[in-house]
Amino acid sequence: MLSAAEIAKNTKNAIDNWMLGPLAPSNMPTANKDYWREFAAATLISEKEARCRLCSNCEYYDNTPEKKSEMLAIPMNKFDVGAGSRGFCTKLDFICHDLRVCMAWERKDFEDTTEEMD
């Protein structure tokens, strides 16, 4: 796991260069209208679709028990407050949150682990 300083540097990179946000996440459909409008325009999708793209359903979001255990060593900061559950972005190497998104977002493909019945 990276140090807290390295994660802070990578978080700043995600905010400055990857449009990480919104700053004050919310599940309310009218919250952060400006952020979602800008994110939608930047990604060439509708605002409704933009609001569906969250770190929690991103290919790079790791919130496995092992990763959560590793993240316990990284102190919470003001960016963690009210942002939902912590996860780790394996693409940009920082602690992200399930209520945020950034330009690195890619759809997570879920595998069907059920066996076909004959």
PDB file of N, CA and C in Angstrom:
ATOM      1  N   MET A   1       0.858  -1.180   0.000  1.00  0.00           N
ATOM      2  CA  MET A   1       0.000   0.000   0.000  1.00  0.00           C
ATOM      3  C   MET A   1       0.891   1.226   0.000  1.00  0.00           C
ATOM      4  N   LEU A   2       0.461   2.221  -0.721  1.00  0.00           N
ATOM      5  CA  LEU A   2       1.188   3.485  -0.787  1.00  0.00           C
ATOM      6  C   LEU A   2       1.107   4.220   0.543  1.00  0.00           C
ATOM      7  N   SER A   3       2.000   5.165   0.739  1.00  0.00           N
ATOM      8  CA  SER A   3       1.963   5.988   1.948  1.00  0.00           C
ATOM      9  C   SER A   3       0.818   6.990   1.849  1.00  0.00           C
ATOM     10  N   ALA A   4       0.447   7.566   2.986  1.00  0.00           N
ATOM     11  CA  ALA A   4      -0.606   8.582   3.018  1.00  0.00           C
ATOM     12  C   ALA A   4      -0.224   9.772   2.147  1.00  0.00           C
ATOM     13  N   ALA A   5       1.040  10.148   2.124  1.00  0.00           N
ATOM     14  CA  ALA A   5       1.495  11.276   1.314  1.00  0.00           C
ATOM     15  C   ALA A   5       1.357  10.976  -0.179  1.00  0.00           C
ATOM     16  N   GLU A   6       1.710   9.754  -0.575  1.00  0.00           N
ATOM     17  CA  GLU A   6       1.572   9.373  -1.986  1.00  0.00           C
ATOM     18  C   GLU A   6       0.104   9.339  -2.403  1.00  0.00           C
ATOM     19  N   ILE A   7      -0.752   8.836  -1.523  1.00  0.00           N
ATOM     20  CA  ILE A   7      -2.182   8.788  -1.822  1.00  0.00           C
ATOM     21  C   ILE A   7      -2.748  10.195  -1.914  1.00  0.00           C
ATOM     22  N   ALA A   8      -2.314  11.094  -1.027  1.00  0.00           N
ATOM     23  CA  ALA A   8      -2.770  12.488  -1.085  1.00  0.00           C
ATOM     24  C   ALA A   8      -2.352  13.135  -2.407  1.00  0.00           C
ATOM     25  N   LYS A   9      -1.131  12.872  -2.845  1.00  0.00           N
ATOM     26  CA  LYS A   9      -0.637  13.404  -4.127  1.00  0.00           C
ATOM     27  C   LYS A   9      -1.479  12.859  -5.280  1.00  0.00           C
ATOM     28  N   ASN A  10      -1.784  11.575  -5.247  1.00  0.00           N
ATOM     29  CA  ASN A  10      -2.573  10.957  -6.305  1.00  0.00           C
ATOM     30  C   ASN A  10      -4.028  11.429  -6.276  1.00  0.00           C
ATOM     31  N   THR A  11      -4.548  11.707  -5.082  1.00  0.00           N
ATOM     32  CA  THR A  11      -5.910  12.253  -4.972  1.00  0.00           C
ATOM     33  C   THR A  11      -5.954  13.636  -5.604  1.00  0.00           C
ATOM     34  N   LYS A  12      -4.956  14.454  -5.326  1.00  0.00           N
ATOM     35  CA  LYS A  12      -4.892  15.789  -5.932  1.00  0.00           C
ATOM     36  C   LYS A  12      -4.823  15.676  -7.450  1.00  0.00           C
ATOM     37  N   ASN A  13      -4.055  14.721  -7.956  1.00  0.00           N
ATOM     38  CA  ASN A  13      -3.976  14.483  -9.391  1.00  0.00           C
ATOM     39  C   ASN A  13      -5.357  14.127  -9.953  1.00  0.00           C
ATOM     40  N   ALA A  14      -6.095  13.267  -9.254  1.00  0.00           N
ATOM     41  CA  ALA A  14      -7.424  12.857  -9.711  1.00  0.00           C
ATOM     42  C   ALA A  14      -8.382  14.052  -9.731  1.00  0.00           C
ATOM     43  N   ILE A  15      -8.275  14.922  -8.744  1.00  0.00           N
ATOM     44  CA  ILE A  15      -9.132  16.111  -8.689  1.00  0.00           C
ATOM     45  C   ILE A  15      -8.744  17.086  -9.802  1.00  0.00           C
ATOM     46  N   ASP A  16      -7.454  17.362  -9.931  1.00  0.00           N
ATOM     47  CA  ASP A  16      -6.978  18.374 -10.873  1.00  0.00           C
ATOM     48  C   ASP A  16      -7.041  17.937 -12.336  1.00  0.00           C
ATOM     49  N   ASN A  17      -6.778  16.655 -12.601  1.00  0.00           N
ATOM     50  CA  ASN A  17      -6.629  16.205 -13.982  1.00  0.00           C
ATOM     51  C   ASN A  17      -7.658  15.187 -14.461  1.00  0.00           C
ATOM     52  N   TRP A  18      -8.404  14.596 -13.541  1.00  0.00           N
ATOM     53  CA  TRP A  18      -9.354  13.545 -13.920  1.00  0.00           C
ATOM     54  C   TRP A  18     -10.786  13.885 -13.523  1.00  0.00           C
ATOM     55  N   MET A  19     -11.014  15.109 -13.071  1.00  0.00           N
ATOM     56  CA  MET A  19     -12.355  15.598 -12.745  1.00  0.00           C
ATOM     57  C   MET A  19     -13.015  14.792 -11.624  1.00  0.00           C
ATOM     58  N   LEU A  20     -12.231  14.365 -10.630  1.00  0.00           N
ATOM     59  CA  LEU A  20     -12.783  13.622  -9.499  1.00  0.00           C
ATOM     60  C   LEU A  20     -13.793  14.491  -8.766  1.00  0.00           C
ATOM     61  N   GLY A  21     -14.929  13.941  -8.502  1.00  0.00           N
ATOM     62  CA  GLY A  21     -15.960  14.686  -7.789  1.00  0.00           C
ATOM     63  C   GLY A  21     -17.221  13.859  -7.666  1.00  0.00           C
ATOM     64  N   PRO A  22     -18.253  14.459  -7.205  1.00  0.00           N
ATOM     65  CA  PRO A  22     -18.316  15.845  -6.744  1.00  0.00           C
ATOM     66  C   PRO A  22     -17.667  16.010  -5.379  1.00  0.00           C
ATOM     67  N   LEU A  23     -17.353  17.233  -5.032  1.00  0.00           N
ATOM     68  CA  LEU A  23     -16.688  17.520  -3.768  1.00  0.00           C
ATOM     69  C   LEU A  23     -17.533  17.082  -2.580  1.00  0.00           C
ATOM     70  N   ALA A  24     -18.828  17.365  -2.623  1.00  0.00           N
ATOM     71  CA  ALA A  24     -19.751  16.976  -1.546  1.00  0.00           C
ATOM     72  C   ALA A  24     -20.787  16.009  -2.120  1.00  0.00           C
ATOM     73  N   PRO A  25     -20.443  14.714  -2.229  1.00  0.00           N
ATOM     74  CA  PRO A  25     -21.334  13.743  -2.853  1.00  0.00           C
ATOM     75  C   PRO A  25     -22.677  13.627  -2.135  1.00  0.00           C
ATOM     76  N   SER A  26     -23.677  13.266  -2.916  1.00  0.00           N
ATOM     77  CA  SER A  26     -25.018  13.097  -2.369  1.00  0.00           C
ATOM     78  C   SER A  26     -25.818  12.187  -3.296  1.00  0.00           C
ATOM     79  N   ASN A  27     -26.723  11.418  -2.706  1.00  0.00           N
ATOM     80  CA  ASN A  27     -27.629  10.591  -3.495  1.00  0.00           C
ATOM     81  C   ASN A  27     -28.851  11.375  -3.961  1.00  0.00           C
ATOM     82  N   MET A  28     -28.996  12.600  -3.521  1.00  0.00           N
ATOM     83  CA  MET A  28     -30.141  13.415  -3.908  1.00  0.00           C
ATOM     84  C   MET A  28     -30.055  13.730  -5.409  1.00  0.00           C
ATOM     85  N   PRO A  29     -31.137  13.509  -6.146  1.00  0.00           N
ATOM     86  CA  PRO A  29     -31.095  13.690  -7.601  1.00  0.00           C
ATOM     87  C   PRO A  29     -30.818  15.116  -8.076  1.00  0.00           C
ATOM     88  N   THR A  30     -31.022  16.101  -7.231  1.00  0.00           N
ATOM     89  CA  THR A  30     -30.765  17.483  -7.637  1.00  0.00           C
ATOM     90  C   THR A  30     -29.439  18.023  -7.107  1.00  0.00           C
ATOM     91  N   ALA A  31     -28.716  17.225  -6.352  1.00  0.00           N
ATOM     92  CA  ALA A  31     -27.448  17.675  -5.761  1.00  0.00           C
ATOM     93  C   ALA A  31     -26.350  17.768  -6.814  1.00  0.00           C
ATOM     94  N   ASN A  32     -25.471  18.697  -6.633  1.00  0.00           N
ATOM     95  CA  ASN A  32     -24.259  18.843  -7.449  1.00  0.00           C
ATOM     96  C   ASN A  32     -24.550  18.961  -8.945  1.00  0.00           C
ATOM     97  N   LYS A  33     -25.599  19.673  -9.257  1.00  0.00           N
ATOM     98  CA  LYS A  33     -26.058  19.811 -10.649  1.00  0.00           C
ATOM     99  C   LYS A  33     -24.927  20.291 -11.572  1.00  0.00           C
ATOM    100  N   ASP A  34     -24.182  21.297 -11.134  1.00  0.00           N
ATOM    101  CA  ASP A  34     -23.106  21.829 -11.976  1.00  0.00           C
ATOM    102  C   ASP A  34     -22.047  20.767 -12.265  1.00  0.00           C
ATOM    103  N   TYR A  35     -21.645  20.042 -11.214  1.00  0.00           N
ATOM    104  CA  TYR A  35     -20.626  19.006 -11.411  1.00  0.00           C
ATOM    105  C   TYR A  35     -21.117  17.973 -12.421  1.00  0.00           C
ATOM    106  N   TRP A  36     -22.309  17.428 -12.229  1.00  0.00           N
ATOM    107  CA  TRP A  36     -22.811  16.363 -13.110  1.00  0.00           C
ATOM    108  C   TRP A  36     -23.019  16.858 -14.531  1.00  0.00           C
ATOM    109  N   ARG A  37     -23.426  18.108 -14.692  1.00  0.00           N
ATOM    110  CA  ARG A  37     -23.585  18.677 -16.035  1.00  0.00           C
ATOM    111  C   ARG A  37     -22.223  18.746 -16.718  1.00  0.00           C
ATOM    112  N   GLU A  38     -21.214  19.228 -16.005  1.00  0.00           N
ATOM    113  CA  GLU A  38     -19.867  19.331 -16.563  1.00  0.00           C
ATOM    114  C   GLU A  38     -19.270  17.954 -16.848  1.00  0.00           C
ATOM    115  N   PHE A  39     -19.480  17.012 -15.940  1.00  0.00           N
ATOM    116  CA  PHE A  39     -18.958  15.660 -16.148  1.00  0.00           C
ATOM    117  C   PHE A  39     -19.629  15.020 -17.364  1.00  0.00           C
ATOM    118  N   ALA A  40     -20.932  15.179 -17.487  1.00  0.00           N
ATOM    119  CA  ALA A  40     -21.665  14.628 -18.629  1.00  0.00           C
ATOM    120  C   ALA A  40     -21.146  15.219 -19.939  1.00  0.00           C
ATOM    121  N   ALA A  41     -20.959  16.518 -19.963  1.00  0.00           N
ATOM    122  CA  ALA A  41     -20.459  17.170 -21.175  1.00  0.00           C
ATOM    123  C   ALA A  41     -19.047  16.682 -21.517  1.00  0.00           C
ATOM    124  N   ALA A  42     -18.207  16.532 -20.516  1.00  0.00           N
ATOM    125  CA  ALA A  42     -16.827  16.095 -20.738  1.00  0.00           C
ATOM    126  C   ALA A  42     -16.754  14.651 -21.232  1.00  0.00           C
ATOM    127  N   THR A  43     -17.719  13.835 -20.840  1.00  0.00           N
ATOM    128  CA  THR A  43     -17.703  12.421 -21.228  1.00  0.00           C
ATOM    129  C   THR A  43     -18.685  12.108 -22.354  1.00  0.00           C
ATOM    130  N   LEU A  44     -19.341  13.145 -22.875  1.00  0.00           N
ATOM    131  CA  LEU A  44     -20.252  13.015 -24.006  1.00  0.00           C
ATOM    132  C   LEU A  44     -21.405  12.046 -23.739  1.00  0.00           C
ATOM    133  N   ILE A  45     -21.965  12.155 -22.538  1.00  0.00           N
ATOM    134  CA  ILE A  45     -23.122  11.345 -22.159  1.00  0.00           C
ATOM    135  C   ILE A  45     -24.168  12.257 -21.534  1.00  0.00           C
ATOM    136  N   SER A  46     -25.346  11.716 -21.271  1.00  0.00           N
ATOM    137  CA  SER A  46     -26.389  12.523 -20.629  1.00  0.00           C
ATOM    138  C   SER A  46     -26.075  12.682 -19.140  1.00  0.00           C
ATOM    139  N   GLU A  47     -26.679  13.692 -18.548  1.00  0.00           N
ATOM    140  CA  GLU A  47     -26.502  13.884 -17.110  1.00  0.00           C
ATOM    141  C   GLU A  47     -27.046  12.685 -16.339  1.00  0.00           C
ATOM    142  N   LYS A  48     -28.150  12.132 -16.804  1.00  0.00           N
ATOM    143  CA  LYS A  48     -28.730  10.958 -16.150  1.00  0.00           C
ATOM    144  C   LYS A  48     -27.738   9.788 -16.158  1.00  0.00           C
ATOM    145  N   GLU A  49     -27.104   9.540 -17.300  1.00  0.00           N
ATOM    146  CA  GLU A  49     -26.108   8.470 -17.394  1.00  0.00           C
ATOM    147  C   GLU A  49     -24.888   8.797 -16.533  1.00  0.00           C
ATOM    148  N   ALA A  50     -24.483  10.060 -16.527  1.00  0.00           N
ATOM    149  CA  ALA A  50     -23.325  10.464 -15.717  1.00  0.00           C
ATOM    150  C   ALA A  50     -23.556  10.132 -14.251  1.00  0.00           C
ATOM    151  N   ARG A  51     -24.757  10.390 -13.762  1.00  0.00           N
ATOM    152  CA  ARG A  51     -25.079  10.129 -12.355  1.00  0.00           C
ATOM    153  C   ARG A  51     -25.075   8.641 -12.029  1.00  0.00           C
ATOM    154  N   CYS A  52     -25.136   7.800 -13.041  1.00  0.00           N
ATOM    155  CA  CYS A  52     -25.077   6.346 -12.824  1.00  0.00           C
ATOM    156  C   CYS A  52     -23.650   5.835 -12.768  1.00  0.00           C
ATOM    157  N   ARG A  53     -22.725   6.633 -13.230  1.00  0.00           N
ATOM    158  CA  ARG A  53     -21.314   6.241 -13.220  1.00  0.00           C
ATOM    159  C   ARG A  53     -20.713   6.676 -11.894  1.00  0.00           C
ATOM    160  N   LEU A  54     -20.464   5.730 -11.063  1.00  0.00           N
ATOM    161  CA  LEU A  54     -19.886   6.000  -9.746  1.00  0.00           C
ATOM    162  C   LEU A  54     -18.657   5.133  -9.548  1.00  0.00           C
ATOM    163  N   CYS A  55     -17.802   5.553  -8.646  1.00  0.00           N
ATOM    164  CA  CYS A  55     -16.633   4.733  -8.330  1.00  0.00           C
ATOM    165  C   CYS A  55     -17.062   3.314  -7.956  1.00  0.00           C
ATOM    166  N   SER A  56     -18.184   3.196  -7.263  1.00  0.00           N
ATOM    167  CA  SER A  56     -18.635   1.876  -6.796  1.00  0.00           C
ATOM    168  C   SER A  56     -18.915   0.905  -7.923  1.00  0.00           C
ATOM    169  N   ASN A  57     -19.191   1.383  -9.147  1.00  0.00           N
ATOM    170  CA  ASN A  57     -19.410   0.452 -10.252  1.00  0.00           C
ATOM    171  C   ASN A  57     -18.352   0.606 -11.340  1.00  0.00           C
ATOM    172  N   CYS A  58     -17.199   1.083 -10.946  1.00  0.00           N
ATOM    173  CA  CYS A  58     -16.073   1.258 -11.860  1.00  0.00           C
ATOM    174  C   CYS A  58     -15.168   0.025 -11.820  1.00  0.00           C
ATOM    175  N   GLU A  59     -14.610  -0.300 -12.959  1.00  0.00           N
ATOM    176  CA  GLU A  59     -13.687  -1.434 -13.097  1.00  0.00           C
ATOM    177  C   GLU A  59     -12.509  -1.333 -12.118  1.00  0.00           C
ATOM    178  N   TYR A  60     -12.096  -0.126 -11.790  1.00  0.00           N
ATOM    179  CA  TYR A  60     -10.892   0.070 -10.977  1.00  0.00           C
ATOM    180  C   TYR A  60     -11.156   0.188  -9.475  1.00  0.00           C
ATOM    181  N   TYR A  61     -12.408   0.139  -9.063  1.00  0.00           N
ATOM    182  CA  TYR A  61     -12.773   0.300  -7.649  1.00  0.00           C
ATOM    183  C   TYR A  61     -12.551  -1.017  -6.914  1.00  0.00           C
ATOM    184  N   ASP A  62     -11.666  -1.006  -5.945  1.00  0.00           N
ATOM    185  CA  ASP A  62     -11.358  -2.200  -5.154  1.00  0.00           C
ATOM    186  C   ASP A  62     -11.777  -1.945  -3.712  1.00  0.00           C
ATOM    187  N   ASN A  63     -12.811  -2.638  -3.287  1.00  0.00           N
ATOM    188  CA  ASN A  63     -13.234  -2.551  -1.880  1.00  0.00           C
ATOM    189  C   ASN A  63     -13.328  -3.945  -1.271  1.00  0.00           C
ATOM    190  N   THR A  64     -12.417  -4.804  -1.700  1.00  0.00           N
ATOM    191  CA  THR A  64     -12.349  -6.147  -1.139  1.00  0.00           C
ATOM    192  C   THR A  64     -11.962  -6.054   0.337  1.00  0.00           C
ATOM    193  N   PRO A  65     -12.303  -7.069   1.119  1.00  0.00           N
ATOM    194  CA  PRO A  65     -11.914  -7.045   2.538  1.00  0.00           C
ATOM    195  C   PRO A  65     -10.405  -6.841   2.733  1.00  0.00           C
ATOM    196  N   GLU A  66      -9.608  -7.433   1.859  1.00  0.00           N
ATOM    197  CA  GLU A  66      -8.156  -7.287   1.976  1.00  0.00           C
ATOM    198  C   GLU A  66      -7.732  -5.832   1.764  1.00  0.00           C
ATOM    199  N   LYS A  67      -8.310  -5.190   0.742  1.00  0.00           N
ATOM    200  CA  LYS A  67      -7.942  -3.800   0.449  1.00  0.00           C
ATOM    201  C   LYS A  67      -8.458  -2.871   1.541  1.00  0.00           C
ATOM    202  N   LYS A  68      -9.668  -3.139   2.046  1.00  0.00           N
ATOM    203  CA  LYS A  68     -10.205  -2.325   3.135  1.00  0.00           C
ATOM    204  C   LYS A  68      -9.297  -2.407   4.358  1.00  0.00           C
ATOM    205  N   SER A  69      -8.792  -3.592   4.625  1.00  0.00           N
ATOM    206  CA  SER A  69      -7.883  -3.777   5.751  1.00  0.00           C
ATOM    207  C   SER A  69      -6.603  -2.961   5.561  1.00  0.00           C
ATOM    208  N   GLU A  70      -6.066  -2.954   4.350  1.00  0.00           N
ATOM    209  CA  GLU A  70      -4.871  -2.167   4.054  1.00  0.00           C
ATOM    210  C   GLU A  70      -5.142  -0.676   4.218  1.00  0.00           C
ATOM    211  N   MET A  71      -6.331  -0.232   3.810  1.00  0.00           N
ATOM    212  CA  MET A  71      -6.656   1.197   3.867  1.00  0.00           C
ATOM    213  C   MET A  71      -6.845   1.701   5.290  1.00  0.00           C
ATOM    214  N   LEU A  72      -7.056   0.809   6.237  1.00  0.00           N
ATOM    215  CA  LEU A  72      -7.206   1.235   7.629  1.00  0.00           C
ATOM    216  C   LEU A  72      -5.969   1.977   8.127  1.00  0.00           C
ATOM    217  N   ALA A  73      -4.823   1.666   7.548  1.00  0.00           N
ATOM    218  CA  ALA A  73      -3.577   2.317   7.954  1.00  0.00           C
ATOM    219  C   ALA A  73      -3.486   3.750   7.437  1.00  0.00           C
ATOM    220  N   ILE A  74      -4.326   4.122   6.478  1.00  0.00           N
ATOM    221  CA  ILE A  74      -4.329   5.480   5.921  1.00  0.00           C
ATOM    222  C   ILE A  74      -5.373   6.289   6.666  1.00  0.00           C
ATOM    223  N   PRO A  75      -4.965   7.335   7.377  1.00  0.00           N
ATOM    224  CA  PRO A  75      -5.924   8.121   8.159  1.00  0.00           C
ATOM    225  C   PRO A  75      -7.003   8.759   7.279  1.00  0.00           C
ATOM    226  N   MET A  76      -8.204   8.875   7.847  1.00  0.00           N
ATOM    227  CA  MET A  76      -9.286   9.563   7.159  1.00  0.00           C
ATOM    228  C   MET A  76      -8.908  11.037   7.056  1.00  0.00           C
ATOM    229  N   ASN A  77      -9.409  11.712   6.020  1.00  0.00           N
ATOM    230  CA  ASN A  77      -9.168  13.137   5.871  1.00  0.00           C
ATOM    231  C   ASN A  77     -10.478  13.830   5.515  1.00  0.00           C
ATOM    232  N   LYS A  78     -10.455  15.134   5.323  1.00  0.00           N
ATOM    233  CA  LYS A  78     -11.693  15.866   5.062  1.00  0.00           C
ATOM    234  C   LYS A  78     -12.360  15.426   3.768  1.00  0.00           C
ATOM    235  N   PHE A  79     -11.614  14.903   2.824  1.00  0.00           N
ATOM    236  CA  PHE A  79     -12.179  14.426   1.570  1.00  0.00           C
ATOM    237  C   PHE A  79     -12.979  13.139   1.769  1.00  0.00           C
ATOM    238  N   ASP A  80     -12.722  12.417   2.861  1.00  0.00           N
ATOM    239  CA  ASP A  80     -13.441  11.177   3.167  1.00  0.00           C
ATOM    240  C   ASP A  80     -14.832  11.432   3.756  1.00  0.00           C
ATOM    241  N   VAL A  81     -15.015  12.572   4.388  1.00  0.00           N
ATOM    242  CA  VAL A  81     -16.246  12.859   5.123  1.00  0.00           C
ATOM    243  C   VAL A  81     -17.440  12.975   4.176  1.00  0.00           C
ATOM    244  N   GLY A  82     -18.459  12.181   4.442  1.00  0.00           N
ATOM    245  CA  GLY A  82     -19.699  12.238   3.676  1.00  0.00           C
ATOM    246  C   GLY A  82     -19.610  11.722   2.256  1.00  0.00           C
ATOM    247  N   ALA A  83     -18.551  11.019   1.924  1.00  0.00           N
ATOM    248  CA  ALA A  83     -18.348  10.569   0.547  1.00  0.00           C
ATOM    249  C   ALA A  83     -18.763   9.130   0.324  1.00  0.00           C
ATOM    250  N   GLY A  84     -19.295   8.490   1.335  1.00  0.00           N
ATOM    251  CA  GLY A  84     -19.664   7.089   1.201  1.00  0.00           C
ATOM    252  C   GLY A  84     -18.526   6.187   1.629  1.00  0.00           C
ATOM    253  N   SER A  85     -18.576   4.966   1.181  1.00  0.00           N
ATOM    254  CA  SER A  85     -17.569   3.963   1.558  1.00  0.00           C
ATOM    255  C   SER A  85     -16.272   4.171   0.792  1.00  0.00           C
ATOM    256  N   ARG A  86     -15.182   3.907   1.484  1.00  0.00           N
ATOM    257  CA  ARG A  86     -13.870   4.004   0.857  1.00  0.00           C
ATOM    258  C   ARG A  86     -13.596   2.777  -0.002  1.00  0.00           C
ATOM    259  N   GLY A  87     -12.918   3.016  -1.095  1.00  0.00           N
ATOM    260  CA  GLY A  87     -12.413   1.959  -1.958  1.00  0.00           C
ATOM    261  C   GLY A  87     -11.082   2.450  -2.498  1.00  0.00           C
ATOM    262  N   PHE A  88     -10.391   1.606  -3.213  1.00  0.00           N
ATOM    263  CA  PHE A  88      -9.095   2.003  -3.753  1.00  0.00           C
ATOM    264  C   PHE A  88      -9.158   1.977  -5.264  1.00  0.00           C
ATOM    265  N   CYS A  89      -8.759   3.062  -5.901  1.00  0.00           N
ATOM    266  CA  CYS A  89      -8.712   3.132  -7.355  1.00  0.00           C
ATOM    267  C   CYS A  89      -7.399   2.516  -7.810  1.00  0.00           C
ATOM    268  N   THR A  90      -7.497   1.370  -8.466  1.00  0.00           N
ATOM    269  CA  THR A  90      -6.288   0.666  -8.901  1.00  0.00           C
ATOM    270  C   THR A  90      -5.658   1.290 -10.146  1.00  0.00           C
ATOM    271  N   LYS A  91      -6.372   2.195 -10.811  1.00  0.00           N
ATOM    272  CA  LYS A  91      -5.798   2.872 -11.975  1.00  0.00           C
ATOM    273  C   LYS A  91      -5.001   4.098 -11.563  1.00  0.00           C
ATOM    274  N   LEU A  92      -5.559   4.917 -10.667  1.00  0.00           N
ATOM    275  CA  LEU A  92      -4.905   6.166 -10.280  1.00  0.00           C
ATOM    276  C   LEU A  92      -4.245   6.098  -8.903  1.00  0.00           C
ATOM    277  N   ASP A  93      -4.324   4.957  -8.245  1.00  0.00           N
ATOM    278  CA  ASP A  93      -3.660   4.726  -6.952  1.00  0.00           C
ATOM    279  C   ASP A  93      -4.008   5.753  -5.887  1.00  0.00           C
ATOM    280  N   PHE A  94      -5.295   5.843  -5.563  1.00  0.00           N
ATOM    281  CA  PHE A  94      -5.723   6.698  -4.470  1.00  0.00           C
ATOM    282  C   PHE A  94      -6.976   6.108  -3.846  1.00  0.00           C
ATOM    283  N   ILE A  95      -7.336   6.610  -2.677  1.00  0.00           N
ATOM    284  CA  ILE A  95      -8.550   6.165  -2.009  1.00  0.00           C
ATOM    285  C   ILE A  95      -9.716   6.951  -2.577  1.00  0.00           C
ATOM    286  N   CYS A  96     -10.627   6.219  -3.202  1.00  0.00           N
ATOM    287  CA  CYS A  96     -11.812   6.851  -3.774  1.00  0.00           C
ATOM    288  C   CYS A  96     -13.018   6.458  -2.920  1.00  0.00           C
ATOM    289  N   HIS A  97     -14.185   6.885  -3.346  1.00  0.00           N
ATOM    290  CA  HIS A  97     -15.395   6.653  -2.551  1.00  0.00           C
ATOM    291  C   HIS A  97     -16.532   6.255  -3.462  1.00  0.00           C
ATOM    292  N   ASP A  98     -17.438   5.463  -2.953  1.00  0.00           N
ATOM    293  CA  ASP A  98     -18.488   4.918  -3.812  1.00  0.00           C
ATOM    294  C   ASP A  98     -19.462   5.950  -4.348  1.00  0.00           C
ATOM    295  N   LEU A  99     -19.496   7.160  -3.818  1.00  0.00           N
ATOM    296  CA  LEU A  99     -20.416   8.194  -4.298  1.00  0.00           C
ATOM    297  C   LEU A  99     -19.755   9.198  -5.242  1.00  0.00           C
ATOM    298  N   ARG A 100     -18.509   8.957  -5.604  1.00  0.00           N
ATOM    299  CA  ARG A 100     -17.807   9.862  -6.515  1.00  0.00           C
ATOM    300  C   ARG A 100     -17.540   9.167  -7.843  1.00  0.00           C
ATOM    301  N   VAL A 101     -16.963   9.924  -8.773  1.00  0.00           N
ATOM    302  CA  VAL A 101     -16.570   9.396 -10.078  1.00  0.00           C
ATOM    303  C   VAL A 101     -15.437  10.257 -10.619  1.00  0.00           C
ATOM    304  N   CYS A 102     -14.738   9.766 -11.624  1.00  0.00           N
ATOM    305  CA  CYS A 102     -13.740  10.569 -12.325  1.00  0.00           C
ATOM    306  C   CYS A 102     -13.689  10.131 -13.783  1.00  0.00           C
ATOM    307  N   MET A 103     -12.910  10.819 -14.558  1.00  0.00           N
ATOM    308  CA  MET A 103     -12.806  10.550 -15.992  1.00  0.00           C
ATOM    309  C   MET A 103     -12.167   9.189 -16.298  1.00  0.00           C
ATOM    310  N   ALA A 104     -11.548   8.558 -15.336  1.00  0.00           N
ATOM    311  CA  ALA A 104     -10.954   7.240 -15.563  1.00  0.00           C
ATOM    312  C   ALA A 104     -11.996   6.121 -15.486  1.00  0.00           C
ATOM    313  N   TRP A 105     -13.239   6.474 -15.166  1.00  0.00           N
ATOM    314  CA  TRP A 105     -14.294   5.472 -14.975  1.00  0.00           C
ATOM    315  C   TRP A 105     -14.435   4.572 -16.189  1.00  0.00           C
ATOM    316  N   GLU A 106     -14.496   3.265 -15.916  1.00  0.00           N
ATOM    317  CA  GLU A 106     -14.811   2.261 -16.931  1.00  0.00           C
ATOM    318  C   GLU A 106     -15.794   1.285 -16.316  1.00  0.00           C
ATOM    319  N   ARG A 107     -16.738   0.848 -17.150  1.00  0.00           N
ATOM    320  CA  ARG A 107     -17.768  -0.067 -16.657  1.00  0.00           C
ATOM    321  C   ARG A 107     -17.149  -1.366 -16.150  1.00  0.00           C
ATOM    322  N   LYS A 108     -17.616  -1.772 -15.002  1.00  0.00           N
ATOM    323  CA  LYS A 108     -17.189  -3.042 -14.426  1.00  0.00           C
ATOM    324  C   LYS A 108     -18.056  -4.132 -15.041  1.00  0.00           C
ATOM    325  N   ASP A 109     -17.426  -5.113 -15.613  1.00  0.00           N
ATOM    326  CA  ASP A 109     -18.153  -6.251 -16.156  1.00  0.00           C
ATOM    327  C   ASP A 109     -18.193  -7.326 -15.084  1.00  0.00           C
ATOM    328  N   PHE A 110     -19.403  -7.694 -14.723  1.00  0.00           N
ATOM    329  CA  PHE A 110     -19.588  -8.712 -13.703  1.00  0.00           C
ATOM    330  C   PHE A 110     -19.689 -10.073 -14.359  1.00  0.00           C
ATOM    331  N   GLU A 111     -18.995 -11.033 -13.797  1.00  0.00           N
ATOM    332  CA  GLU A 111     -19.041 -12.383 -14.329  1.00  0.00           C
ATOM    333  C   GLU A 111     -20.213 -13.124 -13.730  1.00  0.00           C
ATOM    334  N   ASP A 112     -20.885 -13.907 -14.565  1.00  0.00           N
ATOM    335  CA  ASP A 112     -21.962 -14.754 -14.093  1.00  0.00           C
ATOM    336  C   ASP A 112     -21.323 -16.026 -13.559  1.00  0.00           C
ATOM    337  N   THR A 113     -21.382 -16.209 -12.258  1.00  0.00           N
ATOM    338  CA  THR A 113     -20.742 -17.357 -11.637  1.00  0.00           C
ATOM    339  C   THR A 113     -21.703 -18.513 -11.424  1.00  0.00           C
ATOM    340  N   THR A 114     -22.945 -18.357 -11.884  1.00  0.00           N
ATOM    341  CA  THR A 114     -23.902 -19.453 -11.758  1.00  0.00           C
ATOM    342  C   THR A 114     -23.648 -20.466 -12.861  1.00  0.00           C
ATOM    343  N   GLU A 115     -23.787 -21.721 -12.519  1.00  0.00           N
ATOM    344  CA  GLU A 115     -23.591 -22.761 -13.512  1.00  0.00           C
ATOM    345  C   GLU A 115     -24.887 -22.986 -14.258  1.00  0.00           C
ATOM    346  N   GLU A 116     -24.733 -23.283 -15.540  1.00  0.00           N
ATOM    347  CA  GLU A 116     -25.917 -23.569 -16.342  1.00  0.00           C
ATOM    348  C   GLU A 116     -26.456 -24.938 -15.938  1.00  0.00           C
ATOM    349  N   MET A 117     -27.791 -24.981 -15.884  1.00  0.00           N
ATOM    350  CA  MET A 117     -28.452 -26.247 -15.555  1.00  0.00           C
ATOM    351  C   MET A 117     -28.745 -26.987 -16.854  1.00  0.00           C
ATOM    352  N   ASP A 118     -28.480 -28.284 -16.878  1.00  0.00           N
ATOM    353  CA  ASP A 118     -28.805 -29.105 -18.058  1.00  0.00           C
ATOM    354  C   ASP A 118     -30.242 -29.517 -18.038  1.00  0.00           C
TER     355      ASP A 118
END
